[in-house]
C-alpha atoms as a PDB file:
ATOM      1  CA  UNK A   1      32.651  -1.108   2.826  1.00  0.00           C
ATOM      2  CA  UNK A   2      30.803   1.936   1.450  1.00  0.00           C
ATOM      3  CA  UNK A   3      27.352   2.713   2.798  1.00  0.00           C
ATOM      4  CA  UNK A   4      24.463   1.739   0.535  1.00  0.00           C
ATOM      5  CA  UNK A   5      22.217   4.517  -0.686  1.00  0.00           C
ATOM      6  CA  UNK A   6      18.568   3.571  -0.523  1.00  0.00           C
ATOM      7  CA  UNK A   7      17.684   6.881  -2.166  1.00  0.00           C
ATOM      8  CA  UNK A   8      18.713   5.350  -5.499  1.00  0.00           C
ATOM      9  CA  UNK A   9      16.111   2.588  -5.352  1.00  0.00           C
ATOM     10  CA  UNK A  10      13.636   3.116  -8.209  1.00  0.00           C
ATOM     11  CA  UNK A  11      10.262   1.420  -7.829  1.00  0.00           C
ATOM     12  CA  UNK A  12       8.636   3.041 -10.864  1.00  0.00           C
ATOM     13  CA  UNK A  13       6.182   0.614 -12.439  1.00  0.00           C
ATOM     14  CA  UNK A  14       5.936  -1.440  -9.246  1.00  0.00           C
ATOM     15  CA  UNK A  15       3.048  -1.824  -6.830  1.00  0.00           C
ATOM     16  CA  UNK A  16       3.447  -1.886  -3.056  1.00  0.00           C
ATOM     17  CA  UNK A  17       0.757  -2.987  -0.598  1.00  0.00           C
ATOM     18  CA  UNK A  18       1.105  -1.724   2.963  1.00  0.00           C
ATOM     19  CA  UNK A  19      -1.308  -3.102   5.532  1.00  0.00           C
ATOM     20  CA  UNK A  20      -1.729  -0.819   8.510  1.00  0.00           C
ATOM     21  CA  UNK A  21      -0.669   1.939   6.118  1.00  0.00           C
ATOM     22  CA  UNK A  22      -2.917   4.616   7.567  1.00  0.00           C
ATOM     23  CA  UNK A  23      -0.796   5.518  10.566  1.00  0.00           C
ATOM     24  CA  UNK A  24       2.492   5.208  12.404  1.00  0.00           C
ATOM     25  CA  UNK A  25       5.243   3.295  10.634  1.00  0.00           C
ATOM     26  CA  UNK A  26       2.821   2.058   7.985  1.00  0.00           C
ATOM     27  CA  UNK A  27       2.146   5.556   6.717  1.00  0.00           C
ATOM     28  CA  UNK A  28       5.886   6.246   6.642  1.00  0.00           C
ATOM     29  CA  UNK A  29       6.439   3.071   4.600  1.00  0.00           C
ATOM     30  CA  UNK A  30       3.743   4.259   2.171  1.00  0.00           C
ATOM     31  CA  UNK A  31       5.372   7.660   1.746  1.00  0.00           C
ATOM     32  CA  UNK A  32       8.857   6.186   1.313  1.00  0.00           C
ATOM     33  CA  UNK A  33       7.699   3.674  -1.302  1.00  0.00           C
ATOM     34  CA  UNK A  34       5.763   6.351  -3.190  1.00  0.00           C
ATOM     35  CA  UNK A  35       8.762   8.705  -3.109  1.00  0.00           C
ATOM     36  CA  UNK A  36      10.687   6.000  -4.948  1.00  0.00           C
ATOM     37  CA  UNK A  37       7.990   5.736  -7.630  1.00  0.00           C
ATOM     38  CA  UNK A  38       5.823   2.828  -6.449  1.00  0.00           C
ATOM     39  CA  UNK A  39       2.061   2.841  -6.826  1.00  0.00           C
ATOM     40  CA  UNK A  40       0.929   2.284  -3.236  1.00  0.00           C
ATOM     41  CA  UNK A  41      -2.133   0.513  -1.865  1.00  0.00           C
ATOM     42  CA  UNK A  42      -2.701   2.034   1.577  1.00  0.00           C
ATOM     43  CA  UNK A  43      -4.636  -0.651   3.438  1.00  0.00           C
ATOM     44  CA  UNK A  44      -6.068   0.207   6.843  1.00  0.00           C
ATOM     45  CA  UNK A  45      -9.304  -0.683   8.618  1.00  0.00           C
ATOM     46  CA  UNK A  46      -8.972   2.410  10.774  1.00  0.00           C
ATOM     47  CA  UNK A  47      -9.836   0.599  13.976  1.00  0.00           C
ATOM     48  CA  UNK A  48      -8.375   0.975  17.431  1.00  0.00           C
ATOM     49  CA  UNK A  49      -5.260  -0.847  18.614  1.00  0.00           C
ATOM     50  CA  UNK A  50      -7.666  -3.312  20.260  1.00  0.00           C
ATOM     51  CA  UNK A  51      -9.258  -4.131  16.883  1.00  0.00           C
ATOM     52  CA  UNK A  52     -12.468  -2.265  17.613  1.00  0.00           C
ATOM     53  CA  UNK A  53     -14.346   0.080  15.338  1.00  0.00           C
ATOM     54  CA  UNK A  54     -13.217   1.231  11.939  1.00  0.00           C
ATOM     55  CA  UNK A  55     -12.826   4.289   9.779  1.00  0.00           C
ATOM     56  CA  UNK A  56     -11.723   5.076   6.243  1.00  0.00           C
ATOM     57  CA  UNK A  57     -10.125   8.363   7.353  1.00  0.00           C
ATOM     58  CA  UNK A  58      -6.621   7.017   8.063  1.00  0.00           C
ATOM     59  CA  UNK A  59      -6.113   5.244   4.737  1.00  0.00           C
ATOM     60  CA  UNK A  60      -7.807   8.081   2.849  1.00  0.00           C
ATOM     61  CA  UNK A  61      -5.540  10.752   4.338  1.00  0.00           C
ATOM     62  CA  UNK A  62      -2.317   8.932   3.468  1.00  0.00           C
ATOM     63  CA  UNK A  63      -3.532   8.004  -0.034  1.00  0.00           C
ATOM     64  CA  UNK A  64      -4.650  11.611  -0.681  1.00  0.00           C
ATOM     65  CA  UNK A  65      -1.251  12.912   0.418  1.00  0.00           C
ATOM     66  CA  UNK A  66       0.570  10.499  -1.893  1.00  0.00           C
ATOM     67  CA  UNK A  67      -1.761  11.221  -4.835  1.00  0.00           C
ATOM     68  CA  UNK A  68      -0.665  14.854  -4.727  1.00  0.00           C
ATOM     69  CA  UNK A  69       2.600  13.700  -6.339  1.00  0.00           C
ATOM     70  CA  UNK A  70       2.195   9.987  -7.089  1.00  0.00           C
ATOM     71  CA  UNK A  71      -0.162   7.046  -7.411  1.00  0.00           C
ATOM     72  CA  UNK A  72      -2.030   5.629  -4.425  1.00  0.00           C
ATOM     73  CA  UNK A  73      -5.225   3.843  -3.555  1.00  0.00           C
ATOM     74  CA  UNK A  74      -6.903   3.627  -0.149  1.00  0.00           C
ATOM     75  CA  UNK A  75      -8.174   0.153   0.730  1.00  0.00           C
ATOM     76  CA  UNK A  76     -10.175  -0.990   3.739  1.00  0.00           C
ATOM     77  CA  UNK A  77     -10.271  -4.791   3.348  1.00  0.00           C
ATOM     78  CA  UNK A  78      -9.217  -6.995   6.239  1.00  0.00           C
ATOM     79  CA  UNK A  79      -6.047  -9.069   6.259  1.00  0.00           C
ATOM     80  CA  UNK A  80      -7.701 -11.428   8.772  1.00  0.00           C
ATOM     81  CA  UNK A  81      -9.395 -13.517   6.078  1.00  0.00           C
ATOM     82  CA  UNK A  82      -8.348 -15.119   2.817  1.00  0.00           C
ATOM     83  CA  UNK A  83     -11.123 -13.234   1.021  1.00  0.00           C
ATOM     84  CA  UNK A  84      -9.880  -9.947   2.449  1.00  0.00           C
ATOM     85  CA  UNK A  85      -6.297 -10.664   1.435  1.00  0.00           C
ATOM     86  CA  UNK A  86      -7.427 -11.572  -2.066  1.00  0.00           C
ATOM     87  CA  UNK A  87      -9.448  -8.349  -2.281  1.00  0.00           C
ATOM     88  CA  UNK A  88      -6.393  -6.300  -1.309  1.00  0.00           C
ATOM     89  CA  UNK A  89      -4.302  -7.918  -4.045  1.00  0.00           C
ATOM     90  CA  UNK A  90      -7.128  -7.457  -6.601  1.00  0.00           C
ATOM     91  CA  UNK A  91      -7.166  -3.759  -5.682  1.00  0.00           C
ATOM     92  CA  UNK A  92      -3.396  -3.625  -6.190  1.00  0.00           C
ATOM     93  CA  UNK A  93      -3.711  -5.207  -9.635  1.00  0.00           C
ATOM     94  CA  UNK A  94      -6.541  -2.827 -10.615  1.00  0.00           C
ATOM     95  CA  UNK A  95      -4.525   0.141  -9.333  1.00  0.00           C
ATOM     96  CA  UNK A  96      -1.596  -0.902 -11.507  1.00  0.00           C
ATOM     97  CA  UNK A  97      -3.692  -0.686 -14.669  1.00  0.00           C
ATOM     98  CA  UNK A  98      -3.008  -4.341 -15.540  1.00  0.00           C
ATOM     99  CA  UNK A  99      -5.729  -6.804 -16.374  1.00  0.00           C
ATOM    100  CA  UNK A 100      -6.125  -9.904 -14.227  1.00  0.00           C
ATOM    101  CA  UNK A 101      -6.676 -11.856 -17.449  1.00  0.00           C
ATOM    102  CA  UNK A 102      -3.452 -10.492 -18.921  1.00  0.00           C
ATOM    103  CA  UNK A 103      -0.415 -12.721 -19.193  1.00  0.00           C
ATOM    104  CA  UNK A 104       1.583  -9.779 -17.881  1.00  0.00           C
ATOM    105  CA  UNK A 105       0.789  -9.282 -14.230  1.00  0.00           C
ATOM    106  CA  UNK A 106       2.169  -6.265 -12.388  1.00  0.00           C
ATOM    107  CA  UNK A 107       5.129  -6.759 -10.126  1.00  0.00           C
ATOM    108  CA  UNK A 108       3.934  -6.358  -6.573  1.00  0.00           C
ATOM    109  CA  UNK A 109       7.256  -5.358  -5.100  1.00  0.00           C
ATOM    110  CA  UNK A 110       6.343  -5.222  -1.458  1.00  0.00           C
ATOM    111  CA  UNK A 111       3.596  -6.243   0.872  1.00  0.00           C
ATOM    112  CA  UNK A 112       4.336  -4.781   4.251  1.00  0.00           C
ATOM    113  CA  UNK A 113       2.357  -5.272   7.399  1.00  0.00           C
ATOM    114  CA  UNK A 114       2.563  -2.669  10.098  1.00  0.00           C
ATOM    115  CA  UNK A 115      -0.527  -3.606  12.018  1.00  0.00           C
ATOM    116  CA  UNK A 116      -0.906  -1.695  15.228  1.00  0.00           C
END
């Protein structure tokens, strides 16, 4: 069986949400999705591995790097609450350019969690 080539996957016009996207594997997922054309929401609270503190630096750095050649948005909402999860998806919809009142919603192709 021939090996599959993931380099041919085209995510142009799609939106990907990556929680924990500011560092480690999450940031790599963000870069890989963006390289394939996805608009990426880089979600990260920027806290420690123990859940303490917070900073926008991690998400901002990854989103800035992606924006140099693609579309990205840094987001700092929490995935620990329903309201936070809803806010992340609202940000993804806004980032896609679609209207939430539109009958045509954007395709959110991936929502990855790489929480530390």
